[in-house]
Amino acid sequence: MNKIIKKYKNYAKERCGIPLFDASIAMVIISDFEHEKVPIHGLDGFRIFGEMIQPDQDHSIDLSNQKMCWNVAKEFIEKRIKSDVLFEIVAGE
């Protein structure tokens, strides 16, 4: 697990071993990745149903080929800031 993700683990709702963050915490994490110049490869949206999770492809994005991945990630999350979707942040080390 990435050291930045570990830093925010207490804010995550962990399901199936995946740390999931609400949009407001995801924005902070993305800023930390940007500050440290750690590339974000993707954001995966999930919905929680009790102890189960369901991936939501409408709220997921591949950023592996984005040069300005942090800006794209922030814009993507900003559009979902009031949603009930939680996000897995996939990033480099």
N, C-alpha and C. Protein backbone atom coordinates (compact mmCIF):
# COMPACT_ATOMS: atom_id res chain seq x y z
N MET A 1 0.84 -1.18 0.00
CA MET A 1 0.00 0.00 0.00
C MET A 1 0.89 1.25 0.00
N ASN A 2 0.52 2.21 -0.79
CA ASN A 2 1.25 3.46 -0.91
C ASN A 2 1.32 4.19 0.43
N LYS A 3 2.44 4.88 0.71
CA LYS A 3 2.62 5.55 2.00
C LYS A 3 1.61 6.68 2.21
N ILE A 4 1.20 7.34 1.14
CA ILE A 4 0.19 8.41 1.29
C ILE A 4 -1.16 7.80 1.63
N ILE A 5 -1.51 6.72 0.98
CA ILE A 5 -2.77 6.03 1.30
C ILE A 5 -2.74 5.56 2.76
N LYS A 6 -1.61 5.03 3.20
CA LYS A 6 -1.48 4.59 4.60
C LYS A 6 -1.73 5.74 5.56
N LYS A 7 -1.24 6.92 5.21
CA LYS A 7 -1.40 8.11 6.05
C LYS A 7 -2.88 8.42 6.31
N TYR A 8 -3.74 8.12 5.35
CA TYR A 8 -5.17 8.44 5.45
C TYR A 8 -6.04 7.21 5.73
N LYS A 9 -5.41 6.10 6.06
CA LYS A 9 -6.15 4.85 6.25
C LYS A 9 -7.26 4.95 7.29
N ASN A 10 -7.05 5.78 8.32
CA ASN A 10 -8.08 5.94 9.36
C ASN A 10 -9.36 6.59 8.83
N TYR A 11 -9.27 7.26 7.70
CA TYR A 11 -10.44 7.90 7.09
C TYR A 11 -11.15 6.99 6.11
N ALA A 12 -10.57 5.85 5.83
CA ALA A 12 -11.12 4.93 4.83
C ALA A 12 -12.21 4.04 5.42
N LYS A 13 -13.11 3.65 4.55
CA LYS A 13 -14.05 2.57 4.85
C LYS A 13 -13.49 1.38 4.10
N GLU A 14 -12.90 0.47 4.82
CA GLU A 14 -12.24 -0.66 4.16
C GLU A 14 -13.23 -1.80 3.95
N ARG A 15 -13.29 -2.25 2.71
CA ARG A 15 -14.12 -3.39 2.34
C ARG A 15 -13.28 -4.29 1.45
N CYS A 16 -13.32 -5.59 1.73
CA CYS A 16 -12.59 -6.57 0.91
C CYS A 16 -11.11 -6.20 0.80
N GLY A 17 -10.56 -5.57 1.83
CA GLY A 17 -9.16 -5.19 1.84
C GLY A 17 -8.84 -3.95 1.02
N ILE A 18 -9.87 -3.27 0.52
CA ILE A 18 -9.67 -2.08 -0.30
C ILE A 18 -10.02 -0.85 0.52
N PRO A 19 -9.08 0.09 0.69
CA PRO A 19 -9.42 1.34 1.38
C PRO A 19 -10.22 2.25 0.44
N LEU A 20 -11.43 2.61 0.87
CA LEU A 20 -12.32 3.45 0.06
C LEU A 20 -12.52 4.79 0.76
N PHE A 21 -12.41 5.87 0.01
CA PHE A 21 -12.47 7.21 0.58
C PHE A 21 -13.62 8.00 -0.01
N ASP A 22 -14.26 8.82 0.84
CA ASP A 22 -15.28 9.70 0.29
C ASP A 22 -14.59 10.79 -0.53
N ALA A 23 -15.36 11.52 -1.30
CA ALA A 23 -14.80 12.47 -2.27
C ALA A 23 -13.97 13.56 -1.61
N SER A 24 -14.39 14.05 -0.44
CA SER A 24 -13.65 15.15 0.19
C SER A 24 -12.26 14.70 0.64
N ILE A 25 -12.15 13.51 1.19
CA ILE A 25 -10.84 12.97 1.60
C ILE A 25 -10.02 12.62 0.36
N ALA A 26 -10.68 12.10 -0.67
CA ALA A 26 -9.97 11.79 -1.92
C ALA A 26 -9.30 13.04 -2.49
N MET A 27 -9.95 14.19 -2.40
CA MET A 27 -9.36 15.44 -2.90
C MET A 27 -8.07 15.78 -2.15
N VAL A 28 -8.08 15.58 -0.84
CA VAL A 28 -6.89 15.85 -0.03
C VAL A 28 -5.77 14.89 -0.40
N ILE A 29 -6.11 13.63 -0.56
CA ILE A 29 -5.11 12.62 -0.92
C ILE A 29 -4.51 12.93 -2.29
N ILE A 30 -5.34 13.31 -3.24
CA ILE A 30 -4.85 13.65 -4.57
C ILE A 30 -3.87 14.82 -4.49
N SER A 31 -4.18 15.80 -3.67
CA SER A 31 -3.27 16.94 -3.49
C SER A 31 -1.93 16.49 -2.92
N ASP A 32 -1.97 15.55 -1.98
CA ASP A 32 -0.72 15.01 -1.43
C ASP A 32 0.09 14.29 -2.51
N PHE A 33 -0.59 13.50 -3.34
CA PHE A 33 0.10 12.84 -4.45
C PHE A 33 0.73 13.87 -5.38
N GLU A 34 0.01 14.92 -5.67
CA GLU A 34 0.53 15.97 -6.55
C GLU A 34 1.77 16.63 -5.92
N HIS A 35 1.67 16.95 -4.65
CA HIS A 35 2.79 17.57 -3.95
C HIS A 35 4.05 16.70 -3.99
N GLU A 36 3.85 15.40 -3.85
CA GLU A 36 4.96 14.44 -3.86
C GLU A 36 5.32 13.96 -5.26
N LYS A 37 4.58 14.43 -6.27
CA LYS A 37 4.80 14.04 -7.67
C LYS A 37 4.64 12.54 -7.90
N VAL A 38 3.71 11.94 -7.16
CA VAL A 38 3.39 10.52 -7.32
C VAL A 38 2.25 10.40 -8.33
N PRO A 39 2.44 9.68 -9.42
CA PRO A 39 1.39 9.59 -10.43
C PRO A 39 0.18 8.80 -9.94
N ILE A 40 -0.98 9.27 -10.34
CA ILE A 40 -2.24 8.56 -10.06
C ILE A 40 -2.59 7.80 -11.33
N HIS A 41 -2.78 6.50 -11.19
CA HIS A 41 -3.07 5.65 -12.34
C HIS A 41 -4.56 5.53 -12.61
N GLY A 42 -5.36 5.72 -11.56
CA GLY A 42 -6.80 5.62 -11.76
C GLY A 42 -7.58 5.85 -10.49
N LEU A 43 -8.86 6.10 -10.67
CA LEU A 43 -9.82 6.22 -9.57
C LEU A 43 -10.93 5.23 -9.85
N ASP A 44 -11.25 4.42 -8.87
CA ASP A 44 -12.31 3.43 -9.02
C ASP A 44 -13.41 3.73 -8.03
N GLY A 45 -14.61 3.98 -8.55
CA GLY A 45 -15.76 4.29 -7.71
C GLY A 45 -16.48 3.03 -7.26
N PHE A 46 -16.92 3.06 -6.01
CA PHE A 46 -17.66 1.93 -5.43
C PHE A 46 -18.84 2.45 -4.62
N ARG A 47 -19.85 1.64 -4.53
CA ARG A 47 -20.98 1.89 -3.63
C ARG A 47 -20.97 0.77 -2.59
N ILE A 48 -21.34 1.13 -1.38
CA ILE A 48 -21.35 0.16 -0.28
C ILE A 48 -22.79 -0.23 0.03
N PHE A 49 -23.00 -1.52 0.16
CA PHE A 49 -24.29 -2.09 0.55
C PHE A 49 -24.02 -3.02 1.72
N GLY A 50 -24.15 -2.52 2.94
CA GLY A 50 -23.83 -3.31 4.13
C GLY A 50 -22.35 -3.61 4.14
N GLU A 51 -22.01 -4.88 4.13
CA GLU A 51 -20.60 -5.28 4.10
C GLU A 51 -20.11 -5.54 2.67
N MET A 52 -20.99 -5.38 1.72
CA MET A 52 -20.65 -5.64 0.32
C MET A 52 -20.34 -4.34 -0.40
N ILE A 53 -19.53 -4.45 -1.46
CA ILE A 53 -19.26 -3.29 -2.31
C ILE A 53 -19.62 -3.63 -3.75
N GLN A 54 -20.00 -2.59 -4.49
CA GLN A 54 -20.30 -2.77 -5.91
C GLN A 54 -19.52 -1.74 -6.70
N PRO A 55 -18.68 -2.18 -7.63
CA PRO A 55 -17.97 -1.22 -8.48
C PRO A 55 -18.96 -0.44 -9.33
N ASP A 56 -18.65 0.80 -9.58
CA ASP A 56 -19.51 1.64 -10.41
C ASP A 56 -18.65 2.26 -11.52
N GLN A 57 -18.74 1.69 -12.70
CA GLN A 57 -17.90 2.12 -13.82
C GLN A 57 -18.17 3.56 -14.25
N ASP A 58 -19.37 4.08 -13.95
CA ASP A 58 -19.68 5.47 -14.27
C ASP A 58 -18.87 6.44 -13.40
N HIS A 59 -18.30 5.93 -12.33
CA HIS A 59 -17.54 6.75 -11.40
C HIS A 59 -16.10 6.26 -11.27
N SER A 60 -15.58 5.73 -12.36
CA SER A 60 -14.20 5.24 -12.41
C SER A 60 -13.52 5.83 -13.64
N ILE A 61 -12.21 6.04 -13.51
CA ILE A 61 -11.46 6.64 -14.62
C ILE A 61 -10.03 6.12 -14.64
N ASP A 62 -9.53 5.82 -15.84
CA ASP A 62 -8.14 5.40 -16.04
C ASP A 62 -7.31 6.65 -16.32
N LEU A 63 -6.31 6.89 -15.49
CA LEU A 63 -5.46 8.06 -15.63
C LEU A 63 -4.03 7.70 -16.02
N SER A 64 -3.80 6.45 -16.37
CA SER A 64 -2.44 5.98 -16.60
C SER A 64 -1.74 6.69 -17.76
N ASN A 65 -2.49 7.26 -18.68
CA ASN A 65 -1.87 7.97 -19.81
C ASN A 65 -2.04 9.48 -19.74
N GLN A 66 -2.39 9.98 -18.57
CA GLN A 66 -2.61 11.42 -18.39
C GLN A 66 -1.36 12.09 -17.85
N LYS A 67 -0.86 13.08 -18.55
CA LYS A 67 0.32 13.81 -18.07
C LYS A 67 -0.01 14.65 -16.84
N MET A 68 -1.17 15.25 -16.81
CA MET A 68 -1.60 16.06 -15.67
C MET A 68 -2.64 15.29 -14.86
N CYS A 69 -2.27 14.08 -14.45
CA CYS A 69 -3.21 13.17 -13.81
C CYS A 69 -3.86 13.78 -12.57
N TRP A 70 -3.14 14.62 -11.85
CA TRP A 70 -3.68 15.18 -10.61
C TRP A 70 -4.82 16.14 -10.91
N ASN A 71 -4.65 16.99 -11.93
CA ASN A 71 -5.72 17.92 -12.30
C ASN A 71 -6.95 17.19 -12.80
N VAL A 72 -6.74 16.20 -13.63
CA VAL A 72 -7.85 15.41 -14.15
C VAL A 72 -8.56 14.69 -13.01
N ALA A 73 -7.80 14.13 -12.08
CA ALA A 73 -8.37 13.43 -10.93
C ALA A 73 -9.20 14.38 -10.07
N LYS A 74 -8.67 15.58 -9.82
CA LYS A 74 -9.41 16.56 -9.00
C LYS A 74 -10.72 16.97 -9.68
N GLU A 75 -10.67 17.22 -10.98
CA GLU A 75 -11.88 17.58 -11.72
C GLU A 75 -12.91 16.45 -11.67
N PHE A 76 -12.43 15.23 -11.82
CA PHE A 76 -13.31 14.06 -11.79
C PHE A 76 -14.00 13.93 -10.43
N ILE A 77 -13.23 14.05 -9.36
CA ILE A 77 -13.78 13.92 -8.01
C ILE A 77 -14.69 15.10 -7.68
N GLU A 78 -14.28 16.29 -8.08
CA GLU A 78 -15.06 17.50 -7.80
C GLU A 78 -16.49 17.37 -8.32
N LYS A 79 -16.66 16.74 -9.45
CA LYS A 79 -18.00 16.53 -10.03
C LYS A 79 -18.84 15.56 -9.21
N ARG A 80 -18.19 14.82 -8.32
CA ARG A 80 -18.87 13.79 -7.54
C ARG A 80 -18.81 14.09 -6.04
N ILE A 81 -18.47 15.31 -5.68
CA ILE A 81 -18.20 15.66 -4.28
C ILE A 81 -19.41 15.39 -3.37
N LYS A 82 -20.61 15.51 -3.89
CA LYS A 82 -21.81 15.31 -3.06
C LYS A 82 -22.44 13.94 -3.24
N SER A 83 -21.75 13.07 -3.94
CA SER A 83 -22.30 11.73 -4.19
C SER A 83 -21.99 10.79 -3.02
N ASP A 84 -22.64 9.65 -3.03
CA ASP A 84 -22.38 8.64 -2.00
C ASP A 84 -21.35 7.61 -2.48
N VAL A 85 -20.69 7.90 -3.59
CA VAL A 85 -19.67 7.01 -4.15
C VAL A 85 -18.39 7.15 -3.33
N LEU A 86 -17.75 6.02 -3.05
CA LEU A 86 -16.45 6.01 -2.39
C LEU A 86 -15.40 5.61 -3.43
N PHE A 87 -14.17 6.07 -3.22
CA PHE A 87 -13.15 5.88 -4.23
C PHE A 87 -11.94 5.13 -3.73
N GLU A 88 -11.49 4.21 -4.56
CA GLU A 88 -10.17 3.61 -4.41
C GLU A 88 -9.24 4.44 -5.28
N ILE A 89 -8.09 4.84 -4.74
CA ILE A 89 -7.13 5.63 -5.49
C ILE A 89 -5.95 4.73 -5.82
N VAL A 90 -5.72 4.51 -7.10
CA VAL A 90 -4.63 3.65 -7.55
C VAL A 90 -3.50 4.55 -8.00
N ALA A 91 -2.35 4.42 -7.33
CA ALA A 91 -1.23 5.32 -7.61
C ALA A 91 0.09 4.58 -7.54
N GLY A 92 1.12 5.27 -8.02
CA GLY A 92 2.47 4.73 -7.95
C GLY A 92 3.01 4.82 -6.54
N GLU A 93 4.24 4.40 -6.35
CA GLU A 93 4.87 4.45 -5.04
C GLU A 93 5.56 5.71 -4.90
